[in-house]
Protein backbone atom coordinates (compact mmCIF):
# COMPACT_ATOMS: atom_id res chain seq x y z
CA MET A 1 12.37 21.28 -2.51
CA ARG A 2 10.50 18.93 -0.19
CA THR A 3 12.37 16.20 1.69
CA ILE A 4 11.40 12.57 1.92
CA ALA A 5 12.32 9.86 4.44
CA VAL A 6 11.63 6.22 3.60
CA ILE A 7 10.82 3.34 5.99
CA GLY A 8 11.32 -0.04 4.38
CA CYS A 9 14.18 -0.99 2.01
CA GLY A 10 12.97 -4.22 0.53
CA ALA A 11 11.87 -4.80 -3.07
CA LEU A 12 9.27 -2.01 -3.22
CA GLY A 13 11.33 0.47 -1.21
CA THR A 14 14.27 -0.09 -3.52
CA ILE A 15 12.16 0.41 -6.67
CA PHE A 16 10.76 3.58 -5.26
CA CYS A 17 14.09 5.08 -4.12
CA GLN A 18 16.06 4.22 -7.27
CA ASN A 19 13.41 5.74 -9.52
CA ALA A 20 12.40 8.68 -7.31
CA VAL A 21 15.91 10.11 -7.41
CA LYS A 22 15.70 10.13 -11.18
CA LEU A 23 12.13 11.21 -11.76
CA LEU A 24 11.27 13.46 -8.78
CA SER A 25 14.57 15.29 -8.27
CA LYS A 26 13.18 18.72 -9.28
CA ASP A 27 10.68 18.66 -6.44
CA TYR A 28 11.89 16.17 -3.81
CA GLN A 29 15.04 15.02 -2.13
CA ILE A 30 15.35 11.73 -0.26
CA THR A 31 17.30 12.36 2.93
CA SER A 32 17.21 9.24 5.09
CA LEU A 33 16.27 5.56 5.05
CA LEU A 34 15.19 3.20 7.85
CA ALA A 35 14.78 -0.63 7.64
CA ASN A 36 14.28 -3.52 10.03
CA HIS A 37 17.84 -4.57 9.16
CA PHE A 38 20.22 -1.63 9.20
CA GLU A 39 22.47 -3.22 6.54
CA HIS A 40 19.57 -3.15 4.07
CA ALA A 41 19.05 0.53 4.63
CA GLN A 42 22.78 1.17 4.46
CA THR A 43 23.21 -0.63 1.16
CA LEU A 44 20.36 1.21 -0.51
CA ALA A 45 21.34 4.51 1.01
CA GLN A 46 24.87 4.19 -0.35
CA SER A 47 23.53 3.45 -3.81
CA ILE A 48 21.53 6.65 -4.02
CA GLY A 49 23.76 8.92 -1.84
CA VAL A 50 21.60 9.41 1.27
CA THR A 51 21.82 8.54 4.95
CA ALA A 52 20.80 5.32 6.65
CA VAL A 53 19.46 5.65 10.22
CA HIS A 54 18.92 3.21 13.06
CA SER A 55 15.63 4.41 14.50
CA ALA A 56 12.41 6.36 13.85
CA GLU A 57 13.77 9.07 16.18
CA GLU A 58 16.87 9.49 14.03
CA LEU A 59 14.63 9.50 10.89
CA LEU A 60 12.41 12.24 12.26
CA ALA A 61 15.39 14.21 13.46
CA THR A 62 16.22 14.81 9.79
CA ASN A 63 12.97 16.83 9.64
CA PRO A 64 11.39 15.20 6.54
CA ASP A 65 8.36 16.84 5.01
CA ILE A 66 7.03 13.43 3.93
CA VAL A 67 7.67 9.92 5.24
CA VAL A 68 6.94 7.02 2.81
CA GLU A 69 6.29 3.67 4.44
CA PHE A 70 7.04 0.37 2.66
CA ALA A 71 7.79 -1.76 5.76
CA GLY A 72 4.54 -3.59 6.43
CA ARG A 73 1.53 -3.05 8.61
CA ASP A 74 3.35 -3.73 11.86
CA ALA A 75 5.80 -0.95 11.09
CA LEU A 76 2.96 1.37 10.10
CA LYS A 77 1.30 0.68 13.45
CA GLN A 78 4.59 1.25 15.25
CA TYR A 79 5.55 4.52 13.65
CA GLY A 80 2.49 6.03 11.95
CA GLU A 81 0.99 7.97 14.79
CA LYS A 82 4.41 9.39 15.84
CA ILE A 83 5.16 10.55 12.32
CA LEU A 84 1.87 12.34 11.82
CA SER A 85 2.02 13.86 15.34
CA GLN A 86 5.27 15.57 14.45
CA GLY A 87 3.67 17.32 11.51
CA CYS A 88 5.16 15.06 8.79
CA ASP A 89 2.93 13.89 6.01
CA LEU A 90 2.80 10.11 5.70
CA VAL A 91 2.31 7.92 2.61
CA ALA A 92 1.06 4.59 3.99
CA VAL A 93 1.64 1.77 1.49
CA SER A 94 0.73 -0.91 4.03
CA ALA A 95 -2.87 0.24 4.17
CA GLY A 96 -3.95 -3.18 5.49
CA ALA A 97 -3.19 -1.83 8.93
CA LEU A 98 -6.12 0.61 8.56
CA ALA A 99 -8.55 -2.31 8.77
CA ASP A 100 -8.03 -1.82 12.46
CA GLU A 101 -10.66 0.88 13.06
CA SER A 102 -9.22 2.17 16.32
CA PHE A 103 -5.73 2.58 14.78
CA LYS A 104 -7.19 4.32 11.76
CA GLU A 105 -9.00 6.78 14.03
CA ARG A 106 -5.80 7.47 16.03
CA LEU A 107 -3.96 8.30 12.81
CA ILE A 108 -6.74 10.62 11.67
CA GLU A 109 -6.75 12.39 15.00
CA ALA A 110 -2.97 12.72 15.06
CA ALA A 111 -3.01 14.24 11.53
CA ARG A 112 -5.86 16.57 12.44
CA LEU A 113 -4.13 17.90 15.52
CA ALA A 114 -0.73 18.36 13.84
CA GLY A 115 -2.02 19.62 10.52
CA SER A 116 -0.37 16.77 8.67
CA ARG A 117 -1.76 14.55 5.92
CA LEU A 118 -2.12 10.77 5.58
CA TYR A 119 -1.93 9.68 1.97
CA ILE A 120 -3.21 6.31 0.74
CA PRO A 121 -1.75 5.47 -2.68
CA ASN A 122 -3.65 3.40 -5.28
CA GLY A 123 -1.01 0.71 -4.88
CA ALA A 124 -1.67 -2.32 -7.04
CA ILE A 125 -4.96 -1.01 -8.37
CA GLY A 126 -6.45 2.33 -9.49
CA GLY A 127 -9.81 4.00 -9.60
CA LEU A 128 -10.08 5.14 -6.01
CA ASP A 129 -11.53 8.47 -7.22
CA LEU A 130 -14.20 6.50 -9.14
CA MET A 131 -15.02 4.41 -6.08
CA GLN A 132 -15.42 7.51 -3.93
CA THR A 133 -17.74 9.01 -6.52
CA PHE A 134 -19.95 5.91 -6.58
CA ALA A 135 -20.07 5.82 -2.81
CA LEU A 136 -21.06 9.45 -2.52
CA MET A 137 -23.97 8.79 -4.91
CA GLY A 138 -25.28 6.25 -2.39
CA ASN A 139 -25.96 2.49 -2.14
CA ALA A 140 -22.52 1.53 -3.59
CA GLN A 141 -21.65 -2.16 -3.63
CA LEU A 142 -18.11 -3.39 -4.27
CA THR A 143 -16.75 -6.85 -4.99
CA ILE A 144 -13.03 -7.59 -5.18
CA GLY A 145 -11.51 -10.64 -6.77
CA ASN A 146 -7.80 -11.44 -6.39
CA THR A 147 -6.09 -14.16 -8.41
CA LYS A 148 -2.51 -15.07 -7.67
CA ALA A 149 -0.08 -17.97 -8.03
CA PRO A 150 0.07 -20.40 -5.13
CA LYS A 151 3.57 -19.24 -4.10
CA SER A 152 2.18 -15.70 -3.66
CA LEU A 153 -0.38 -17.01 -1.13
CA ASN A 154 1.43 -19.82 0.61
CA GLY A 155 2.43 -18.97 4.17
CA ALA A 156 -0.67 -16.88 4.86
CA PRO A 157 -2.15 -17.39 8.36
CA TYR A 158 -5.51 -18.46 6.86
CA LEU A 159 -3.90 -21.50 5.29
CA LYS A 160 -2.52 -22.75 8.63
CA GLY A 161 0.70 -24.10 7.18
CA GLN A 162 -0.85 -25.91 4.25
CA ASN A 163 0.43 -25.25 0.73
CA LEU A 164 -1.98 -24.67 -2.10
CA PRO A 165 -2.20 -27.22 -4.93
CA GLU A 166 0.10 -26.77 -7.92
CA ASP A 167 -2.15 -28.62 -10.37
CA GLN A 168 -5.55 -26.87 -10.10
CA LYS A 169 -7.18 -23.50 -9.70
CA VAL A 170 -9.04 -23.14 -6.37
CA THR A 171 -11.06 -20.48 -4.61
CA VAL A 172 -9.13 -20.05 -1.35
CA PHE A 173 -11.26 -17.44 0.42
CA THR A 174 -14.54 -15.60 0.17
CA GLY A 175 -15.63 -13.15 2.87
CA SER A 176 -15.25 -9.74 4.46
CA VAL A 177 -12.33 -7.36 4.18
CA LYS A 178 -11.57 -7.71 7.91
CA ASP A 179 -11.31 -11.50 7.64
CA ALA A 180 -9.31 -11.26 4.43
CA ILE A 181 -6.64 -8.96 5.92
CA GLU A 182 -6.29 -11.18 9.01
CA GLY A 183 -6.00 -14.31 6.91
CA PHE A 184 -3.83 -12.85 4.09
CA PRO A 185 -2.06 -9.82 5.59
CA LYS A 186 0.49 -9.57 2.75
CA ASN A 187 -1.93 -10.02 -0.12
CA VAL A 188 -5.06 -7.92 0.30
CA ASN A 189 -4.00 -4.29 0.83
CA VAL A 190 -6.09 -3.75 -2.33
CA ALA A 191 -9.25 -4.69 -0.49
CA VAL A 192 -8.55 -2.40 2.44
CA VAL A 193 -7.71 0.55 0.19
CA ALA A 194 -10.87 0.05 -1.84
CA THR A 195 -12.89 -0.22 1.35
CA LEU A 196 -11.55 3.03 2.69
CA ALA A 197 -12.87 4.71 -0.46
CA THR A 198 -16.32 3.12 -0.23
CA ASP A 199 -18.48 1.43 2.40
CA PRO A 200 -16.99 -1.48 4.37
CA ASP A 201 -20.46 -2.98 4.97
CA GLN A 202 -20.94 -3.58 1.28
CA VAL A 203 -17.63 -5.15 0.20
CA GLN A 204 -16.94 -8.79 -0.56
CA VAL A 205 -13.51 -10.23 -1.19
CA THR A 206 -12.65 -13.42 -3.11
CA ILE A 207 -9.09 -14.85 -3.39
CA GLN A 208 -8.21 -17.49 -5.92
CA SER A 209 -5.05 -19.50 -6.40
CA ASP A 210 -4.10 -20.28 -10.03
CA PRO A 211 -0.90 -22.28 -10.64
CA THR A 212 -0.94 -21.38 -14.34
CA THR A 213 -0.87 -17.59 -13.82
CA GLU A 214 2.30 -15.53 -14.02
CA VAL A 215 0.59 -12.30 -12.91
CA ASN A 216 -1.32 -10.93 -9.97
CA THR A 217 -4.82 -10.04 -11.10
CA HIS A 218 -7.26 -7.75 -9.33
CA HIS A 219 -10.87 -7.50 -10.58
CA LEU A 220 -13.08 -4.91 -8.96
CA GLN A 221 -16.76 -4.27 -9.76
CA ILE A 222 -18.51 -1.27 -8.16
CA LYS A 223 -22.13 -0.39 -8.68
CA ASN A 224 -24.89 1.79 -7.35
CA ASP A 225 -28.48 2.42 -8.43
CA LEU A 226 -27.39 4.38 -11.51
CA MET A 227 -23.95 3.19 -12.57
CA THR A 228 -21.71 0.14 -12.86
CA ALA A 229 -17.98 -0.02 -13.41
CA GLU A 230 -15.43 -2.78 -13.64
CA ILE A 231 -11.65 -2.55 -13.28
CA THR A 232 -9.27 -5.40 -14.02
CA ILE A 233 -5.57 -4.95 -13.49
CA SER A 234 -2.88 -7.70 -13.97
CA SER A 235 0.74 -7.14 -13.05
CA LYS A 236 3.81 -9.30 -12.66
CA PRO A 237 4.92 -9.74 -9.06
CA ASP A 238 8.37 -8.50 -8.05
CA PRO A 239 10.84 -11.43 -8.46
CA ARG A 240 12.32 -10.66 -5.02
CA ASN A 241 8.88 -10.45 -3.31
CA PRO A 242 6.16 -12.43 -5.11
CA LYS A 243 3.56 -11.26 -2.61
CA SER A 244 3.84 -7.67 -3.94
CA SER A 245 3.21 -5.95 -7.23
CA THR A 246 5.87 -3.55 -8.52
CA SER A 247 3.20 -1.09 -9.51
CA THR A 248 2.70 -0.30 -5.81
CA ALA A 249 6.09 1.47 -5.68
CA TRP A 250 5.36 3.30 -8.88
CA SER A 251 1.96 4.43 -7.59
CA VAL A 252 3.81 6.32 -4.80
CA ILE A 253 6.00 8.05 -7.35
CA ALA A 254 2.87 9.03 -9.30
CA LEU A 255 1.26 10.31 -6.10
CA LEU A 256 4.23 12.51 -5.19
CA LYS A 257 4.54 13.80 -8.73
CA ASN A 258 0.84 14.72 -8.64
CA LEU A 259 1.19 16.55 -5.30
CA ALA A 260 4.07 18.67 -6.65
CA SER A 261 2.41 19.50 -9.97
CA PRO A 262 0.43 22.69 -10.59
CA ILE A 263 -1.99 20.39 -12.50
CA ARG A 264 -3.44 17.57 -10.35
CA PHE A 265 -5.27 14.51 -11.67
CA TYR A 266 -7.84 12.95 -9.37
């Protein structure tokens, strides 16, 4: 039985915890929760019968085998290196933080020295194995299109306080992954995750606002000299957090199930 600690008790953390205790109980036990607001961790902890803690030090003192992070890229930057350095495996949901190359390298080095593992879940998309295969074959090119409702994008730093129109579809952004994550830090984890599996010099991101859509849609096309593949995934945003897709929490459950299984899908 492996133990899990969770950082982040918002919409996605709640979905993960409530379903993990039902679906992963043969292989895993959640032992402790940490959140920016202790009362959030306490409420969720009480509902699933685990302990809420006040700090990362308290969390790590419970000796988890795996820490799952749902708390945002600032939290990942704050705690990630410490978690891996203590020999705990880390599932990093806020992969946007890994667009910072120096931070990514520090995590890799911490994991290497401690013998721990950093897991990047598929999140709101899939096909990371396919993207890696294309990249290994050489000359892989990836384009990523994100389409979301205006309310899912409003408030992003790139928009500088302006709200997107509610009466027309507009292309909000076209550019690099680095610029996308800086301009839309809560919306483009997908782009960073896909980039980690391919070549960051050959990735282009487009973000569209569509007031008629009720789903978040990600369209990815990857090609090399011999093959082309397209992946389109649409999912309803979580009602409590329209900037996130509920499938992100479920992808972590799938990852953990896969790690515990004698048969692994990749």
